[in-house]
Every structure is written in structure tokens, then in C-alpha cells.
Amino acid sequence: MNAYLRNFLVVILVLIPMQAAFSLPGMFDIQTVDIPRQFTAMGNRSSAMDANSHLHAAYGGKQLYYATNKSGSWVTTIVDTHYLVGAGVSIALDSSGHPHISYYDMQNQHLKYVRFTGTAWQAPETVDHDAQLGGDVSSLALDSDDHPHIIYYDGKNEDLKYAFFDGSGWTIETVASEGDVGKNSSLALDQAGHPHISYADLTNENLKYISHNGTT
């Protein structure tokens, strides 16, 4: 085998796996979930996968929408029909696979929460009457009792806030308040149900992390 042919084969052997790697986007299954719908106001989207690999998605801006393919085809529902709701949305599934959603009411500047009981959507609850997310998102997580925990940005005071439901009512705490903090936040709960939060400190241009150990 001459040197030219050997080098040619080496190049081919290198390019074949590269071609396979770069072909990955073609393997994605792209489906249209909600059509036709004209979104005159659009916020972020949030999705979660249940134990049977069915997708649950929440989205909105003009109204709050929910979509799922658990029946085998896509079904969409308008969860909150009020005007300019559904931005800043976050979805989580409880132990029964039922969706819980936190979202923003832009017209009234409320942080809201709603859940599916298994038979129907409950009436939306107002968690914070003066949230003013300022175009940011909320982040929702459920503890072992399926109680909701939500973090969000208080645009009025430029603070990071944390709200949780203990089974009887909501409690709201200011987690961080030094400078302009709390945007782009994300929440996770540990096995004890304690919150762990990452967020942006815009004043110092830092990414920060804060947690609660059950005491402090």
C-alpha cells in the first residue's frame, strides 16, 4: 500500500465517526405541539417528563397554556384565561405525575400558582400580590409531600424571594437583598426538602449559590 492510499484511508476513518457525531441533530424527533395559535405575548417555556416518558409543558404570556402527549397525541389546555398571564412559568410534576405550575400575572404584577388534582385544574392562587418579576422567570420545585416551593425575582426591590406552602398557607421570605440580586434563579430541593438556589448578582456580576439547612 503506497503512502498516498494509506493517508487517504486514515482520513476516511477519521471522518466517518465525525460524520456520525455531526448527524445527531437529524435524529431528533420534532413535533408541533400547539397549532394554530397566534401568540401576541410570549414568555418562556418549561417542561417536565413523567415516569412514562410523557412530556408536560407550560407556556404563555397572553394566557397560561399547558400541553401534554400522555394520551398518545398532543392535547393543549388553557389553564388561566386571564389576560397577560403565563410568563415566567415553571412546571413540576408531583408523586402522582400531576402538573404544578408557577407563573407571572403581568397585568396585576402577581406571582401565581396552579395545580392539576388528577381530575381538574384547581383555581389559580395568588402567592405574592406584589411580585413584579420584571421580565424574569420563577422556579418551582415540589417536596416529598408534594408541597410547592418557588423562588423568584422581586423586580420592585431587586431582591431574591422564596415562597413555600406548608399545607395550610404560604410563607414568603427574602433570601438575598444586597444589591440587584435574584435574576435567572434556579431552585432544587434536597432529600430533606431544603432549598438550594443559584442566582445572578447583577451588581457584582457574579453567579451565586445559597442553601438552607433547616435552621439557617
N, C-alpha and C. Protein backbone atom coordinates (compact mmCIF):
# COMPACT_ATOMS: atom_id res chain seq x y z
N MET A 1 0.86 -1.19 0.00
CA MET A 1 0.00 0.00 0.00
C MET A 1 0.89 1.24 0.00
N ASN A 2 0.69 2.12 -1.01
CA ASN A 2 1.54 3.30 -1.07
C ASN A 2 1.11 4.32 -0.02
N ALA A 3 1.96 5.31 0.20
CA ALA A 3 1.73 6.30 1.26
C ALA A 3 0.47 7.11 0.99
N TYR A 4 0.21 7.45 -0.26
CA TYR A 4 -0.97 8.26 -0.59
C TYR A 4 -2.25 7.53 -0.22
N LEU A 5 -2.35 6.24 -0.59
CA LEU A 5 -3.55 5.47 -0.30
C LEU A 5 -3.72 5.29 1.20
N ARG A 6 -2.59 5.05 1.90
CA ARG A 6 -2.66 4.87 3.35
C ARG A 6 -3.17 6.14 4.03
N ASN A 7 -2.68 7.29 3.60
CA ASN A 7 -3.13 8.55 4.19
C ASN A 7 -4.60 8.82 3.88
N PHE A 8 -5.02 8.45 2.67
CA PHE A 8 -6.42 8.64 2.29
C PHE A 8 -7.35 7.81 3.18
N LEU A 9 -6.96 6.56 3.45
CA LEU A 9 -7.77 5.69 4.30
C LEU A 9 -7.82 6.21 5.73
N VAL A 10 -6.73 6.77 6.21
CA VAL A 10 -6.70 7.33 7.56
C VAL A 10 -7.68 8.49 7.67
N VAL A 11 -7.70 9.35 6.64
CA VAL A 11 -8.62 10.48 6.64
C VAL A 11 -10.07 10.00 6.64
N ILE A 12 -10.37 8.98 5.84
CA ILE A 12 -11.73 8.44 5.77
C ILE A 12 -12.15 7.87 7.12
N LEU A 13 -11.24 7.13 7.77
CA LEU A 13 -11.56 6.54 9.07
C LEU A 13 -11.79 7.59 10.14
N VAL A 14 -11.13 8.73 9.99
CA VAL A 14 -11.33 9.83 10.94
C VAL A 14 -12.66 10.52 10.69
N LEU A 15 -13.00 10.70 9.41
CA LEU A 15 -14.21 11.46 9.07
C LEU A 15 -15.49 10.68 9.32
N ILE A 16 -15.45 9.35 9.22
CA ILE A 16 -16.68 8.56 9.41
C ILE A 16 -17.29 8.76 10.78
N PRO A 17 -16.52 8.62 11.89
CA PRO A 17 -17.15 8.89 13.20
C PRO A 17 -17.55 10.33 13.39
N MET A 18 -16.80 11.26 12.76
CA MET A 18 -17.17 12.67 12.85
C MET A 18 -18.51 12.90 12.17
N GLN A 19 -18.71 12.23 11.02
CA GLN A 19 -19.98 12.38 10.31
C GLN A 19 -21.13 11.86 11.17
N ALA A 20 -20.90 10.74 11.86
CA ALA A 20 -21.94 10.19 12.73
C ALA A 20 -22.27 11.15 13.85
N ALA A 21 -21.23 11.77 14.42
CA ALA A 21 -21.44 12.70 15.53
C ALA A 21 -22.20 13.93 15.08
N PHE A 22 -21.84 14.46 13.93
CA PHE A 22 -22.47 15.68 13.45
C PHE A 22 -23.85 15.43 12.84
N SER A 23 -24.23 14.16 12.69
CA SER A 23 -25.55 13.85 12.17
C SER A 23 -26.60 13.75 13.27
N LEU A 24 -26.18 13.91 14.52
CA LEU A 24 -27.11 13.76 15.64
C LEU A 24 -28.34 14.65 15.54
N PRO A 25 -28.21 15.92 15.12
CA PRO A 25 -29.43 16.74 15.05
C PRO A 25 -30.51 16.15 14.18
N GLY A 26 -30.14 15.40 13.15
CA GLY A 26 -31.11 14.78 12.28
C GLY A 26 -31.89 13.65 12.94
N MET A 27 -31.41 13.19 14.10
CA MET A 27 -32.06 12.10 14.80
C MET A 27 -33.13 12.59 15.75
N PHE A 28 -33.24 13.90 15.99
CA PHE A 28 -34.25 14.43 16.88
C PHE A 28 -35.63 14.33 16.24
N ASP A 29 -36.61 14.00 17.05
CA ASP A 29 -38.00 13.92 16.60
C ASP A 29 -38.67 15.24 16.93
N ILE A 30 -38.90 16.06 15.93
CA ILE A 30 -39.50 17.38 16.12
C ILE A 30 -41.00 17.29 15.86
N GLN A 31 -41.78 17.70 16.84
CA GLN A 31 -43.24 17.65 16.73
C GLN A 31 -43.83 19.03 16.99
N THR A 32 -44.92 19.32 16.32
CA THR A 32 -45.64 20.56 16.56
C THR A 32 -46.66 20.31 17.67
N VAL A 33 -46.53 21.06 18.76
CA VAL A 33 -47.35 20.82 19.94
C VAL A 33 -48.65 21.61 19.89
N ASP A 34 -48.57 22.87 19.52
CA ASP A 34 -49.73 23.76 19.61
C ASP A 34 -49.86 24.56 18.33
N ILE A 35 -50.81 24.19 17.48
CA ILE A 35 -51.03 24.88 16.22
C ILE A 35 -52.49 24.72 15.82
N PRO A 36 -53.17 25.69 15.24
CA PRO A 36 -52.63 27.05 15.04
C PRO A 36 -52.92 27.91 16.26
N ARG A 37 -51.96 28.69 16.66
CA ARG A 37 -52.18 29.65 17.73
C ARG A 37 -51.28 30.85 17.47
N GLN A 38 -51.83 32.03 17.57
CA GLN A 38 -51.06 33.25 17.39
C GLN A 38 -50.74 33.83 18.76
N PHE A 39 -49.45 33.83 19.09
CA PHE A 39 -49.01 34.33 20.39
C PHE A 39 -48.72 35.82 20.28
N THR A 40 -49.64 36.63 20.76
CA THR A 40 -49.42 38.08 20.75
C THR A 40 -48.52 38.51 21.90
N ALA A 41 -48.42 37.67 22.92
CA ALA A 41 -47.48 37.91 24.02
C ALA A 41 -46.92 36.56 24.41
N MET A 42 -45.59 36.45 24.49
CA MET A 42 -44.99 35.14 24.70
C MET A 42 -43.93 35.22 25.78
N GLY A 43 -44.02 34.34 26.76
CA GLY A 43 -43.00 34.25 27.79
C GLY A 43 -42.11 33.05 27.54
N ASN A 44 -41.48 32.56 28.60
CA ASN A 44 -40.62 31.39 28.46
C ASN A 44 -41.46 30.12 28.43
N ARG A 45 -40.82 28.98 28.24
CA ARG A 45 -41.48 27.69 28.28
C ARG A 45 -40.80 26.83 29.33
N SER A 46 -41.55 25.90 29.91
CA SER A 46 -41.00 24.99 30.91
C SER A 46 -41.61 23.62 30.68
N SER A 47 -40.80 22.56 30.81
CA SER A 47 -41.31 21.22 30.56
C SER A 47 -40.77 20.23 31.58
N ALA A 48 -41.49 19.13 31.74
CA ALA A 48 -41.08 18.05 32.64
C ALA A 48 -41.54 16.73 32.04
N MET A 49 -40.78 15.67 32.33
CA MET A 49 -41.09 14.35 31.82
C MET A 49 -41.59 13.46 32.95
N ASP A 50 -42.70 12.75 32.74
CA ASP A 50 -43.22 11.88 33.79
C ASP A 50 -42.57 10.50 33.72
N ALA A 51 -43.00 9.60 34.61
CA ALA A 51 -42.38 8.28 34.73
C ALA A 51 -42.60 7.42 33.49
N ASN A 52 -43.59 7.76 32.68
CA ASN A 52 -43.88 7.02 31.45
C ASN A 52 -43.33 7.72 30.21
N SER A 53 -42.41 8.65 30.43
CA SER A 53 -41.75 9.40 29.35
C SER A 53 -42.73 10.24 28.54
N HIS A 54 -43.79 10.69 29.17
CA HIS A 54 -44.70 11.65 28.55
C HIS A 54 -44.29 13.05 28.95
N LEU A 55 -44.37 13.95 28.00
CA LEU A 55 -43.94 15.32 28.25
C LEU A 55 -45.11 16.18 28.73
N HIS A 56 -44.80 17.07 29.67
CA HIS A 56 -45.77 18.05 30.16
C HIS A 56 -45.11 19.42 30.01
N ALA A 57 -45.76 20.33 29.32
CA ALA A 57 -45.18 21.64 29.03
C ALA A 57 -46.13 22.75 29.46
N ALA A 58 -45.55 23.81 30.00
CA ALA A 58 -46.31 25.00 30.37
C ALA A 58 -45.70 26.19 29.64
N TYR A 59 -46.56 27.10 29.19
CA TYR A 59 -46.08 28.25 28.44
C TYR A 59 -47.19 29.29 28.41
N GLY A 60 -46.84 30.50 28.00
CA GLY A 60 -47.86 31.53 27.93
C GLY A 60 -47.28 32.92 27.81
N GLY A 61 -48.03 33.88 28.26
CA GLY A 61 -47.68 35.29 28.12
C GLY A 61 -48.96 36.10 27.99
N LYS A 62 -49.83 35.64 27.10
CA LYS A 62 -51.16 36.24 26.98
C LYS A 62 -52.15 35.51 27.89
N GLN A 63 -52.06 34.17 27.90
CA GLN A 63 -52.78 33.30 28.82
C GLN A 63 -51.83 32.18 29.22
N LEU A 64 -52.21 31.38 30.22
CA LEU A 64 -51.37 30.26 30.63
C LEU A 64 -51.85 28.99 29.93
N TYR A 65 -50.94 28.35 29.20
CA TYR A 65 -51.26 27.14 28.45
C TYR A 65 -50.50 25.95 29.03
N TYR A 66 -51.10 24.78 28.86
CA TYR A 66 -50.48 23.52 29.27
C TYR A 66 -50.69 22.51 28.16
N ALA A 67 -49.65 21.75 27.84
CA ALA A 67 -49.74 20.74 26.79
C ALA A 67 -49.10 19.45 27.26
N THR A 68 -49.67 18.33 26.85
CA THR A 68 -49.10 17.02 27.18
C THR A 68 -49.44 16.02 26.08
N ASN A 69 -48.59 15.01 25.94
CA ASN A 69 -48.83 13.94 24.97
C ASN A 69 -49.11 12.61 25.68
N LYS A 70 -49.55 12.66 26.93
CA LYS A 70 -49.74 11.42 27.71
C LYS A 70 -50.87 10.55 27.15
N SER A 71 -51.76 11.10 26.34
CA SER A 71 -52.84 10.32 25.73
C SER A 71 -52.40 9.66 24.43
N GLY A 72 -51.19 9.96 23.99
CA GLY A 72 -50.70 9.45 22.71
C GLY A 72 -50.65 10.51 21.64
N SER A 73 -51.38 11.59 21.83
CA SER A 73 -51.32 12.74 20.93
C SER A 73 -51.31 14.00 21.78
N TRP A 74 -50.93 15.10 21.18
CA TRP A 74 -50.81 16.34 21.93
C TRP A 74 -52.18 16.95 22.23
N VAL A 75 -52.37 17.29 23.49
CA VAL A 75 -53.60 17.95 23.94
C VAL A 75 -53.20 19.22 24.67
N THR A 76 -53.81 20.34 24.31
CA THR A 76 -53.49 21.61 24.96
C THR A 76 -54.69 22.11 25.75
N THR A 77 -54.39 22.79 26.84
CA THR A 77 -55.42 23.32 27.73
C THR A 77 -55.07 24.75 28.11
N ILE A 78 -56.05 25.63 28.12
CA ILE A 78 -55.85 26.97 28.67
C ILE A 78 -56.16 26.89 30.16
N VAL A 79 -55.13 27.02 30.98
CA VAL A 79 -55.27 26.82 32.42
C VAL A 79 -55.75 28.09 33.11
N ASP A 80 -55.21 29.22 32.70
CA ASP A 80 -55.63 30.52 33.25
C ASP A 80 -55.97 31.43 32.08
N THR A 81 -57.22 31.83 31.99
CA THR A 81 -57.71 32.60 30.85
C THR A 81 -57.55 34.10 31.04
N HIS A 82 -57.05 34.54 32.17
CA HIS A 82 -56.89 35.97 32.39
C HIS A 82 -55.87 36.55 31.42
N TYR A 83 -55.96 37.83 31.17
CA TYR A 83 -55.11 38.50 30.19
C TYR A 83 -53.70 38.72 30.74
N LEU A 84 -52.71 38.46 29.90
CA LEU A 84 -51.30 38.68 30.20
C LEU A 84 -50.82 37.87 31.40
N VAL A 85 -51.16 36.59 31.41
CA VAL A 85 -50.63 35.67 32.42
C VAL A 85 -49.84 34.57 31.72
N GLY A 86 -48.93 33.94 32.46
CA GLY A 86 -48.20 32.79 31.91
C GLY A 86 -46.74 33.03 31.63
N ALA A 87 -46.27 34.26 31.75
CA ALA A 87 -44.83 34.50 31.61
C ALA A 87 -44.13 34.03 32.89
N GLY A 88 -42.82 33.87 32.82
CA GLY A 88 -42.05 33.46 34.00
C GLY A 88 -42.45 32.09 34.52
N VAL A 89 -42.88 31.20 33.62
CA VAL A 89 -43.51 29.95 34.01
C VAL A 89 -42.49 28.89 34.42
N SER A 90 -42.90 28.02 35.36
CA SER A 90 -42.09 26.87 35.76
C SER A 90 -43.04 25.73 36.10
N ILE A 91 -42.72 24.52 35.63
CA ILE A 91 -43.60 23.37 35.85
C ILE A 91 -42.85 22.27 36.60
N ALA A 92 -43.56 21.56 37.46
CA ALA A 92 -43.02 20.39 38.16
C ALA A 92 -44.14 19.37 38.30
N LEU A 93 -43.77 18.09 38.34
CA LEU A 93 -44.74 17.01 38.48
C LEU A 93 -44.67 16.43 39.88
N ASP A 94 -45.84 16.15 40.46
CA ASP A 94 -45.85 15.59 41.81
C ASP A 94 -45.70 14.07 41.77
N SER A 95 -45.83 13.42 42.92
CA SER A 95 -45.60 11.98 43.02
C SER A 95 -46.61 11.17 42.21
N SER A 96 -47.72 11.78 41.85
CA SER A 96 -48.72 11.11 41.00
C SER A 96 -48.59 11.49 39.54
N GLY A 97 -47.59 12.30 39.22
CA GLY A 97 -47.39 12.74 37.85
C GLY A 97 -48.27 13.89 37.43
N HIS A 98 -48.90 14.56 38.40
CA HIS A 98 -49.78 15.68 38.09
C HIS A 98 -48.98 16.99 38.06
N PRO A 99 -49.28 17.87 37.12
CA PRO A 99 -48.51 19.10 36.96
C PRO A 99 -48.87 20.18 37.97
N HIS A 100 -47.84 20.88 38.42
CA HIS A 100 -47.96 22.09 39.24
C HIS A 100 -47.22 23.18 38.49
N ILE A 101 -47.76 24.39 38.46
CA ILE A 101 -47.17 25.46 37.66
C ILE A 101 -47.12 26.76 38.46
N SER A 102 -45.97 27.40 38.44
CA SER A 102 -45.86 28.78 38.95
C SER A 102 -45.69 29.69 37.74
N TYR A 103 -46.22 30.91 37.83
CA TYR A 103 -46.17 31.81 36.69
C TYR A 103 -46.48 33.23 37.14
N TYR A 104 -46.34 34.16 36.20
CA TYR A 104 -46.48 35.58 36.50
C TYR A 104 -47.71 36.16 35.83
N ASP A 105 -48.42 36.98 36.57
CA ASP A 105 -49.54 37.76 36.05
C ASP A 105 -49.01 39.17 35.80
N MET A 106 -48.71 39.46 34.53
CA MET A 106 -48.06 40.74 34.21
C MET A 106 -48.98 41.93 34.41
N GLN A 107 -50.26 41.74 34.18
CA GLN A 107 -51.20 42.86 34.30
C GLN A 107 -51.36 43.31 35.75
N ASN A 108 -51.43 42.35 36.67
CA ASN A 108 -51.64 42.69 38.08
C ASN A 108 -50.37 42.59 38.91
N GLN A 109 -49.26 42.15 38.27
CA GLN A 109 -47.97 42.02 38.94
C GLN A 109 -48.05 41.05 40.12
N HIS A 110 -48.67 39.90 39.85
CA HIS A 110 -48.82 38.85 40.86
C HIS A 110 -47.99 37.63 40.48
N LEU A 111 -47.44 36.96 41.48
CA LEU A 111 -46.90 35.62 41.28
C LEU A 111 -48.02 34.64 41.59
N LYS A 112 -48.29 33.71 40.65
CA LYS A 112 -49.42 32.81 40.81
C LYS A 112 -48.98 31.35 40.75
N TYR A 113 -49.86 30.50 41.23
CA TYR A 113 -49.58 29.06 41.29
C TYR A 113 -50.88 28.30 41.01
N VAL A 114 -50.77 27.21 40.27
CA VAL A 114 -51.94 26.39 39.96
C VAL A 114 -51.49 24.93 39.85
N ARG A 115 -52.39 24.01 40.14
CA ARG A 115 -52.05 22.59 40.03
C ARG A 115 -53.24 21.79 39.50
N PHE A 116 -52.91 20.63 38.94
CA PHE A 116 -53.92 19.70 38.46
C PHE A 116 -54.13 18.63 39.53
N THR A 117 -55.37 18.39 39.92
CA THR A 117 -55.67 17.49 41.03
C THR A 117 -55.75 16.02 40.61
N GLY A 118 -55.76 15.78 39.32
CA GLY A 118 -55.98 14.43 38.80
C GLY A 118 -57.28 14.33 38.05
N THR A 119 -58.20 15.23 38.38
CA THR A 119 -59.49 15.29 37.68
C THR A 119 -59.76 16.65 37.08
N ALA A 120 -59.19 17.69 37.68
CA ALA A 120 -59.43 19.06 37.19
C ALA A 120 -58.33 19.99 37.67
N TRP A 121 -58.23 21.13 37.00
CA TRP A 121 -57.32 22.17 37.45
C TRP A 121 -57.98 22.96 38.58
N GLN A 122 -57.25 23.14 39.67
CA GLN A 122 -57.78 23.96 40.75
C GLN A 122 -57.77 25.42 40.34
N ALA A 123 -58.49 26.25 41.07
CA ALA A 123 -58.47 27.69 40.79
C ALA A 123 -57.07 28.23 41.08
N PRO A 124 -56.52 29.09 40.21
CA PRO A 124 -55.19 29.66 40.44
C PRO A 124 -55.13 30.43 41.76
N GLU A 125 -53.99 30.31 42.45
CA GLU A 125 -53.77 31.02 43.70
C GLU A 125 -52.78 32.16 43.46
N THR A 126 -53.00 33.28 44.10
CA THR A 126 -52.02 34.36 44.09
C THR A 126 -51.09 34.17 45.28
N VAL A 127 -49.81 33.96 44.99
CA VAL A 127 -48.82 33.71 46.04
C VAL A 127 -48.28 35.02 46.58
N ASP A 128 -47.89 35.92 45.67
CA ASP A 128 -47.36 37.23 46.05
C ASP A 128 -48.12 38.29 45.25
N HIS A 129 -48.77 39.20 45.96
CA HIS A 129 -49.60 40.22 45.31
C HIS A 129 -48.77 41.37 44.74
N ASP A 130 -47.48 41.39 45.02
CA ASP A 130 -46.63 42.49 44.55
C ASP A 130 -45.28 41.94 44.11
N ALA A 131 -45.34 40.95 43.21
CA ALA A 131 -44.12 40.24 42.82
C ALA A 131 -43.23 41.07 41.89
N GLN A 132 -43.82 41.61 40.80
CA GLN A 132 -43.08 42.43 39.84
C GLN A 132 -41.80 41.73 39.38
N LEU A 133 -41.95 40.60 38.71
CA LEU A 133 -40.81 39.81 38.28
C LEU A 133 -39.89 40.56 37.33
N GLY A 134 -40.38 41.59 36.69
CA GLY A 134 -39.52 42.39 35.82
C GLY A 134 -39.00 41.63 34.62
N GLY A 135 -39.83 40.76 34.03
CA GLY A 135 -39.43 40.02 32.85
C GLY A 135 -38.63 38.77 33.15
N ASP A 136 -38.42 38.46 34.42
CA ASP A 136 -37.64 37.28 34.78
C ASP A 136 -38.57 36.07 34.94
N VAL A 137 -38.01 34.94 35.35
CA VAL A 137 -38.77 33.70 35.49
C VAL A 137 -38.86 33.28 36.95
N SER A 138 -39.82 32.41 37.23
CA SER A 138 -39.89 31.76 38.53
C SER A 138 -39.29 30.36 38.40
N SER A 139 -39.01 29.73 39.53
CA SER A 139 -38.51 28.36 39.52
C SER A 139 -39.24 27.59 40.61
N LEU A 140 -39.86 26.48 40.22
CA LEU A 140 -40.74 25.72 41.10
C LEU A 140 -40.17 24.33 41.36
N ALA A 141 -40.28 23.88 42.60
CA ALA A 141 -39.91 22.51 42.97
C ALA A 141 -40.91 22.02 44.01
N LEU A 142 -41.13 20.70 44.05
CA LEU A 142 -42.05 20.08 44.99
C LEU A 142 -41.29 19.22 45.98
N ASP A 143 -41.68 19.28 47.25
CA ASP A 143 -41.02 18.45 48.25
C ASP A 143 -41.68 17.07 48.32
N SER A 144 -41.26 16.25 49.28
CA SER A 144 -41.75 14.87 49.37
C SER A 144 -43.23 14.79 49.71
N ASP A 145 -43.79 15.88 50.22
CA ASP A 145 -45.23 15.95 50.49
C ASP A 145 -46.00 16.60 49.35
N ASP A 146 -45.31 16.83 48.23
CA ASP A 146 -45.88 17.49 47.05
C ASP A 146 -46.27 18.94 47.33
N HIS A 147 -45.65 19.55 48.33
CA HIS A 147 -45.89 20.97 48.60
C HIS A 147 -44.97 21.81 47.71
N PRO A 148 -45.48 22.90 47.15
CA PRO A 148 -44.68 23.72 46.23
C PRO A 148 -43.74 24.67 46.95
N HIS A 149 -42.56 24.84 46.35
CA HIS A 149 -41.57 25.82 46.76
C HIS A 149 -41.22 26.62 45.51
N ILE A 150 -41.19 27.94 45.62
CA ILE A 150 -40.97 28.80 44.45
C ILE A 150 -39.95 29.87 44.80
N ILE A 151 -39.00 30.08 43.91
CA ILE A 151 -38.12 31.24 44.03
C ILE A 151 -38.36 32.15 42.84
N TYR A 152 -38.13 33.44 43.06
CA TYR A 152 -38.41 34.41 42.01
C TYR A 152 -37.73 35.73 42.33
N TYR A 153 -37.64 36.56 41.32
CA TYR A 153 -37.01 37.87 41.42
C TYR A 153 -38.05 38.93 41.74
N ASP A 154 -37.80 39.69 42.79
CA ASP A 154 -38.65 40.83 43.15
C ASP A 154 -38.09 42.06 42.45
N GLY A 155 -38.66 42.38 41.30
CA GLY A 155 -38.14 43.48 40.50
C GLY A 155 -38.30 44.84 41.14
N LYS A 156 -39.28 44.99 42.00
CA LYS A 156 -39.51 46.27 42.67
C LYS A 156 -38.37 46.60 43.62
N ASN A 157 -37.93 45.61 44.40
CA ASN A 157 -36.87 45.81 45.39
C ASN A 157 -35.53 45.22 44.97
N GLU A 158 -35.52 44.55 43.80
CA GLU A 158 -34.31 43.93 43.26
C GLU A 158 -33.75 42.90 44.24
N ASP A 159 -34.65 42.05 44.75
CA ASP A 159 -34.28 41.03 45.73
C ASP A 159 -34.65 39.64 45.23
N LEU A 160 -34.02 38.63 45.83
CA LEU A 160 -34.38 37.23 45.58
C LEU A 160 -35.36 36.79 46.65
N LYS A 161 -36.52 36.27 46.24
CA LYS A 161 -37.54 35.84 47.19
C LYS A 161 -37.83 34.34 47.06
N TYR A 162 -38.28 33.79 48.18
CA TYR A 162 -38.58 32.36 48.28
C TYR A 162 -39.95 32.20 48.93
N ALA A 163 -40.84 31.47 48.27
CA ALA A 163 -42.18 31.22 48.80
C ALA A 163 -42.40 29.72 48.89
N PHE A 164 -43.02 29.28 49.97
CA PHE A 164 -43.32 27.86 50.10
C PHE A 164 -44.67 27.66 50.79
N PHE A 165 -45.31 26.54 50.45
CA PHE A 165 -46.61 26.20 51.01
C PHE A 165 -46.42 25.04 51.97
N ASP A 166 -46.88 25.19 53.21
CA ASP A 166 -46.67 24.17 54.24
C ASP A 166 -47.87 23.25 54.46
N GLY A 167 -48.86 23.36 53.60
CA GLY A 167 -50.05 22.54 53.74
C GLY A 167 -51.25 23.33 54.19
N SER A 168 -50.98 24.51 54.77
CA SER A 168 -52.09 25.35 55.24
C SER A 168 -52.02 26.77 54.71
N GLY A 169 -50.84 27.23 54.36
CA GLY A 169 -50.70 28.59 53.85
C GLY A 169 -49.32 28.84 53.28
N TRP A 170 -49.19 29.99 52.63
CA TRP A 170 -47.92 30.37 52.01
C TRP A 170 -47.09 31.23 52.95
N THR A 171 -45.77 31.01 52.91
CA THR A 171 -44.80 31.84 53.61
C THR A 171 -43.84 32.41 52.58
N ILE A 172 -43.56 33.70 52.67
CA ILE A 172 -42.65 34.36 51.73
C ILE A 172 -41.47 34.93 52.51
N GLU A 173 -40.26 34.65 52.03
CA GLU A 173 -39.05 35.14 52.67
C GLU A 173 -38.17 35.84 51.64
N THR A 174 -37.47 36.88 52.07
CA THR A 174 -36.45 37.50 51.25
C THR A 174 -35.13 36.78 51.52
N VAL A 175 -34.58 36.15 50.50
CA VAL A 175 -33.38 35.32 50.66
C VAL A 175 -32.11 36.14 50.52
N ALA A 176 -32.08 37.04 49.55
CA ALA A 176 -30.90 37.88 49.31
C ALA A 176 -31.37 39.26 48.90
N SER A 177 -30.69 40.29 49.41
CA SER A 177 -31.16 41.66 49.16
C SER A 177 -30.04 42.68 48.98
N GLU A 178 -28.79 42.24 48.98
CA GLU A 178 -27.68 43.17 48.86
C GLU A 178 -27.40 43.44 47.39
N GLY A 179 -27.77 44.61 46.91
CA GLY A 179 -27.61 44.94 45.51
C GLY A 179 -28.78 44.43 44.69
N ASP A 180 -28.56 44.35 43.39
CA ASP A 180 -29.58 43.84 42.47
C ASP A 180 -29.33 42.35 42.30
N VAL A 181 -30.07 41.54 43.03
CA VAL A 181 -29.83 40.09 43.06
C VAL A 181 -31.13 39.33 42.83
N GLY A 182 -31.00 38.12 42.26
CA GLY A 182 -32.14 37.23 42.16
C GLY A 182 -32.60 36.87 40.77
N LYS A 183 -32.08 37.53 39.75
CA LYS A 183 -32.49 37.18 38.40
C LYS A 183 -31.87 35.85 37.97
N ASN A 184 -32.52 35.23 36.98
CA ASN A 184 -32.04 33.97 36.39
C ASN A 184 -31.81 32.91 37.46
N SER A 185 -32.72 32.83 38.42
CA SER A 185 -32.56 31.91 39.54
C SER A 185 -33.08 30.52 39.19
N SER A 186 -32.56 29.53 39.92
CA SER A 186 -32.98 28.15 39.73
C SER A 186 -33.01 27.47 41.09
N LEU A 187 -34.04 26.65 41.32
CA LEU A 187 -34.27 26.04 42.63
C LEU A 187 -34.24 24.52 42.54
N ALA A 188 -33.62 23.90 43.54
CA ALA A 188 -33.67 22.45 43.73
C ALA A 188 -33.83 22.18 45.22
N LEU A 189 -34.53 21.10 45.54
CA LEU A 189 -34.71 20.70 46.93
C LEU A 189 -33.92 19.42 47.20
N ASP A 190 -33.27 19.35 48.37
CA ASP A 190 -32.58 18.12 48.72
C ASP A 190 -33.56 17.11 49.31
N GLN A 191 -33.06 15.96 49.77
CA GLN A 191 -33.94 14.91 50.25
C GLN A 191 -34.72 15.32 51.49
N ALA A 192 -34.19 16.29 52.23
CA ALA A 192 -34.89 16.79 53.42
C ALA A 192 -35.87 17.91 53.08
N GLY A 193 -35.93 18.28 51.81
CA GLY A 193 -36.83 19.35 51.39
C GLY A 193 -36.27 20.74 51.57
N HIS A 194 -34.96 20.84 51.81
CA HIS A 194 -34.33 22.15 52.00
C HIS A 194 -33.96 22.75 50.64
N PRO A 195 -34.17 24.05 50.47
CA PRO A 195 -33.91 24.67 49.16
C PRO A 195 -32.43 24.95 48.90
N HIS A 196 -32.05 24.76 47.67
CA HIS A 196 -30.72 25.13 47.16
C HIS A 196 -30.97 25.99 45.93
N ILE A 197 -30.35 27.16 45.91
CA ILE A 197 -30.70 28.17 44.91
C ILE A 197 -29.45 28.74 44.26
N SER A 198 -29.45 28.81 42.94
CA SER A 198 -28.43 29.57 42.21
C SER A 198 -29.11 30.79 41.61
N TYR A 199 -28.37 31.90 41.56
CA TYR A 199 -28.96 33.14 41.06
C TYR A 199 -27.87 34.11 40.64
N ALA A 200 -28.29 35.15 39.93
CA ALA A 200 -27.35 36.16 39.44
C ALA A 200 -27.30 37.36 40.39
N ASP A 201 -26.08 37.80 40.65
CA ASP A 201 -25.84 39.05 41.37
C ASP A 201 -25.43 40.06 40.30
N LEU A 202 -26.39 40.86 39.85
CA LEU A 202 -26.12 41.79 38.75
C LEU A 202 -25.24 42.95 39.18
N THR A 203 -25.29 43.31 40.45
CA THR A 203 -24.47 44.42 40.94
C THR A 203 -22.98 44.09 40.82
N ASN A 204 -22.61 42.88 41.22
CA ASN A 204 -21.20 42.47 41.20
C ASN A 204 -20.87 41.56 40.03
N GLU A 205 -21.88 41.28 39.19
CA GLU A 205 -21.71 40.44 38.01
C GLU A 205 -21.19 39.06 38.39
N ASN A 206 -21.84 38.45 39.39
CA ASN A 206 -21.44 37.14 39.89
C ASN A 206 -22.61 36.16 39.80
N LEU A 207 -22.26 34.88 39.68
CA LEU A 207 -23.22 33.81 39.88
C LEU A 207 -23.10 33.37 41.33
N LYS A 208 -24.22 33.29 42.04
CA LYS A 208 -24.17 32.95 43.46
C LYS A 208 -25.04 31.72 43.76
N TYR A 209 -24.72 31.11 44.90
CA TYR A 209 -25.44 29.93 45.37
C TYR A 209 -25.74 30.10 46.85
N ILE A 210 -26.96 29.74 47.24
CA ILE A 210 -27.35 29.82 48.64
C ILE A 210 -28.21 28.61 48.96
N SER A 211 -28.11 28.14 50.20
CA SER A 211 -28.90 26.98 50.61
C SER A 211 -29.41 27.18 52.03
N HIS A 212 -30.37 26.36 52.40
CA HIS A 212 -30.95 26.41 53.75
C HIS A 212 -30.83 25.01 54.35
N ASN A 213 -30.29 24.92 55.56
CA ASN A 213 -30.07 23.61 56.17
C ASN A 213 -31.18 23.19 57.11
N GLY A 214 -32.26 23.94 57.13
CA GLY A 214 -33.35 23.63 58.02
C GLY A 214 -33.40 24.54 59.22
N THR A 215 -32.26 25.23 59.46
CA THR A 215 -32.17 26.17 60.58
C THR A 215 -31.86 27.56 60.10
N THR A 216 -30.82 27.66 59.25
CA THR A 216 -30.40 28.95 58.71
C THR A 216 -30.19 28.84 57.21
